[in-house]
Amino acid sequence: MAEEGLHPIVRLAKEAVESYVREGKTPRPRELTPEMKEGAGVFVSLHKHGQLRGCIGTFGPTKDNVAEEIIANAISSSTMDPRFPPVTAAELDDLEYSVDILTEPEPVTDISQLDPKEYGVIVESGWKKGLLLPDLEGVDSVEEQIAICRLKAGISASEPVKLYRFQVRRFK
């Protein structure tokens, strides 16, 4: 997709990855859209030929605004996702970007309050936390969401957990 056709949020993620991979530089956001001025958790997902190539994010705000979260998490997704080697300059033209801005997580008292298409899930046991974004291909049940979150966090199936749900605004 031509860069001028990208939503400004997606363009910022793309520019951050390209600047960092090519030049080792972390860009500063130039123009902040209203969404970029907020404080929120943000996940940046990279796909290459339809396959996940990196996904890193924050559960809640850790920077001054969403723009700074996008930049930091885009760079981390391309260089620090432990499941993948760092993105190379040769791959940049093949990457597709998705940016999820999270709502404030809210406690869930029963799994009937969850829906894998509408809500992401956070599973927490002590200091261990796992998060799964909503509306992911191949994840069709609440039970699958929770099992994946437990696995990501290293929480066994027998450990009691606290559940939280959140929604996202997804930009592609």
Protein backbone atom coordinates (compact mmCIF):
# COMPACT_ATOMS: atom_id res chain seq x y z
CA MET A 1 0.00 0.00 0.00
CA ALA A 2 1.26 3.45 -0.86
CA GLU A 3 2.43 5.30 2.21
CA GLU A 4 0.16 8.29 1.52
CA GLY A 5 -2.87 5.95 1.76
CA LEU A 6 -1.94 4.82 5.27
CA HIS A 7 -3.71 6.08 8.37
CA PRO A 8 -1.36 8.47 10.24
CA ILE A 9 -1.13 5.98 13.14
CA VAL A 10 0.00 3.18 10.83
CA ARG A 11 2.32 5.54 8.95
CA LEU A 12 4.01 6.47 12.26
CA ALA A 13 4.64 2.78 13.07
CA LYS A 14 6.04 2.18 9.58
CA GLU A 15 8.29 5.25 9.71
CA ALA A 16 9.59 4.22 13.16
CA VAL A 17 10.52 0.72 12.00
CA GLU A 18 12.10 1.91 8.75
CA SER A 19 14.10 4.69 10.41
CA TYR A 20 15.36 2.38 13.14
CA VAL A 21 16.18 -0.60 10.91
CA ARG A 22 17.86 1.48 8.20
CA GLU A 23 19.60 4.17 10.28
CA GLY A 24 19.41 3.13 13.94
CA LYS A 25 17.41 6.29 14.63
CA THR A 26 14.26 6.69 16.70
CA PRO A 27 12.04 9.27 15.00
CA ARG A 28 10.04 11.95 16.77
CA PRO A 29 6.35 12.25 15.88
CA ARG A 30 5.79 15.26 13.64
CA GLU A 31 2.06 15.86 13.74
CA LEU A 32 -0.15 14.35 16.42
CA THR A 33 -3.67 13.28 15.49
CA PRO A 34 -6.24 13.43 18.33
CA GLU A 35 -5.79 9.67 18.97
CA MET A 36 -2.02 10.11 19.26
CA LYS A 37 -2.35 12.68 22.06
CA GLU A 38 -4.08 10.25 24.44
CA GLY A 39 -2.46 7.95 26.94
CA ALA A 40 -3.13 4.24 26.34
CA GLY A 41 -1.57 0.85 25.94
CA VAL A 42 -0.57 0.12 22.35
CA PHE A 43 0.35 -3.04 20.46
CA VAL A 44 2.12 -2.95 17.12
CA SER A 45 1.91 -6.09 14.97
CA LEU A 46 4.05 -6.73 11.91
CA HIS A 47 3.08 -9.24 9.25
CA LYS A 48 5.11 -10.47 6.30
CA HIS A 49 3.30 -12.34 3.52
CA GLY A 50 0.33 -12.83 5.86
CA GLN A 51 2.43 -14.37 8.65
CA LEU A 52 3.17 -12.74 12.01
CA ARG A 53 6.65 -11.18 11.97
CA GLY A 54 6.59 -9.36 15.31
CA CYS A 55 4.17 -8.12 17.96
CA ILE A 56 5.06 -6.13 21.05
CA GLY A 57 2.97 -3.81 23.13
CA THR A 58 2.13 -2.26 26.44
CA PHE A 59 -0.87 -3.11 28.64
CA GLY A 60 -1.32 0.53 29.62
CA PRO A 61 0.36 3.87 29.02
CA THR A 62 4.11 3.94 29.68
CA LYS A 63 4.98 7.04 27.61
CA ASP A 64 3.68 10.61 27.46
CA ASN A 65 1.25 9.81 24.64
CA VAL A 66 0.08 7.19 22.15
CA ALA A 67 2.46 8.47 19.46
CA GLU A 68 5.47 7.71 21.67
CA GLU A 69 3.98 4.29 22.56
CA ILE A 70 3.58 3.53 18.84
CA ILE A 71 7.18 4.48 18.06
CA ALA A 72 8.66 2.48 20.96
CA ASN A 73 6.49 -0.60 20.36
CA ALA A 74 6.97 -0.55 16.58
CA ILE A 75 10.74 -0.58 17.06
CA SER A 76 10.46 -3.32 19.71
CA SER A 77 8.19 -5.39 17.44
CA SER A 78 10.77 -5.25 14.67
CA THR A 79 13.86 -5.85 16.81
CA MET A 80 13.00 -7.43 20.17
CA ASP A 81 10.19 -9.98 19.71
CA PRO A 82 11.89 -13.11 21.08
CA ARG A 83 9.99 -15.32 18.62
CA PHE A 84 11.73 -13.79 15.60
CA PRO A 85 15.12 -12.48 14.49
CA PRO A 86 15.32 -8.69 14.08
CA VAL A 87 13.77 -7.31 10.90
CA THR A 88 16.32 -6.57 8.18
CA ALA A 89 16.29 -3.69 5.70
CA ALA A 90 15.63 -6.21 2.91
CA GLU A 91 12.30 -7.12 4.54
CA LEU A 92 10.90 -3.61 4.99
CA ASP A 93 8.97 -3.50 1.69
CA ASP A 94 7.22 -6.79 2.59
CA LEU A 95 5.89 -5.69 5.98
CA GLU A 96 2.29 -4.84 6.81
CA TYR A 97 1.50 -2.95 10.00
CA SER A 98 -1.37 -3.11 12.46
CA VAL A 99 -1.66 -0.83 15.49
CA ASP A 100 -4.08 -1.57 18.34
CA ILE A 101 -4.87 1.15 20.88
CA LEU A 102 -6.26 -0.47 24.03
CA THR A 103 -9.06 0.75 26.25
CA GLU A 104 -8.55 0.69 30.02
CA PRO A 105 -8.78 -2.97 31.14
CA GLU A 106 -11.81 -3.80 33.31
CA PRO A 107 -12.15 -6.73 35.72
CA VAL A 108 -14.25 -9.69 34.61
CA THR A 109 -16.13 -11.80 37.16
CA ASP A 110 -17.36 -14.48 34.76
CA ILE A 111 -16.14 -15.72 31.37
CA SER A 112 -19.63 -15.08 29.98
CA GLN A 113 -18.55 -11.40 29.96
CA LEU A 114 -15.89 -12.21 27.36
CA ASP A 115 -16.11 -12.53 23.57
CA PRO A 116 -12.93 -13.31 21.58
CA LYS A 117 -14.06 -11.18 18.63
CA GLU A 118 -14.92 -8.09 20.70
CA TYR A 119 -12.64 -8.22 23.76
CA GLY A 120 -9.00 -8.86 24.38
CA VAL A 121 -8.12 -10.67 27.59
CA ILE A 122 -5.56 -10.18 30.34
CA VAL A 123 -4.91 -13.10 32.68
CA GLU A 124 -3.11 -12.31 35.93
CA SER A 125 -1.72 -14.48 38.72
CA GLY A 126 0.49 -12.66 41.20
CA TRP A 127 3.13 -10.79 39.18
CA LYS A 128 2.58 -12.91 36.04
CA LYS A 129 0.38 -11.43 33.32
CA GLY A 130 -0.57 -12.58 29.84
CA LEU A 131 -2.46 -10.58 27.23
CA LEU A 132 -4.15 -11.56 23.99
CA LEU A 133 -5.63 -9.07 21.55
CA PRO A 134 -9.21 -9.55 20.33
CA ASP A 135 -10.35 -10.70 16.91
CA LEU A 136 -7.32 -12.81 16.04
CA GLU A 137 -7.51 -15.35 13.24
CA GLY A 138 -7.79 -18.90 14.59
CA VAL A 139 -8.84 -17.85 18.10
CA ASP A 140 -12.57 -18.51 18.25
CA SER A 141 -13.38 -19.19 21.90
CA VAL A 142 -12.89 -17.57 25.27
CA GLU A 143 -11.29 -20.79 26.50
CA GLU A 144 -8.65 -20.57 23.74
CA GLN A 145 -7.97 -16.92 24.61
CA ILE A 146 -7.46 -17.73 28.28
CA ALA A 147 -5.29 -20.79 27.53
CA ILE A 148 -3.03 -18.74 25.24
CA CYS A 149 -2.76 -15.97 27.86
CA ARG A 150 -1.84 -18.51 30.55
CA LEU A 151 0.82 -20.00 28.29
CA LYS A 152 2.30 -16.58 27.44
CA ALA A 153 2.48 -15.66 31.12
CA GLY A 154 3.73 -19.02 32.37
CA ILE A 155 0.59 -19.56 34.46
CA SER A 156 -0.43 -23.19 34.86
CA ALA A 157 -4.00 -24.32 34.19
CA SER A 158 -4.46 -25.07 37.91
CA GLU A 159 -3.41 -21.62 39.17
CA PRO A 160 -6.25 -19.24 40.05
CA VAL A 161 -6.29 -16.11 37.90
CA LYS A 162 -7.87 -12.69 37.72
CA LEU A 163 -9.38 -11.86 34.34
CA TYR A 164 -9.64 -8.48 32.66
CA ARG A 165 -11.11 -7.48 29.34
CA PHE A 166 -10.41 -4.57 27.03
CA GLN A 167 -11.36 -3.40 23.58
CA VAL A 168 -9.12 -2.01 20.86
CA ARG A 169 -9.21 0.51 18.09
CA ARG A 170 -7.33 -1.28 15.32
CA PHE A 171 -5.59 0.65 12.57
CA LYS A 172 -4.21 -1.10 9.48
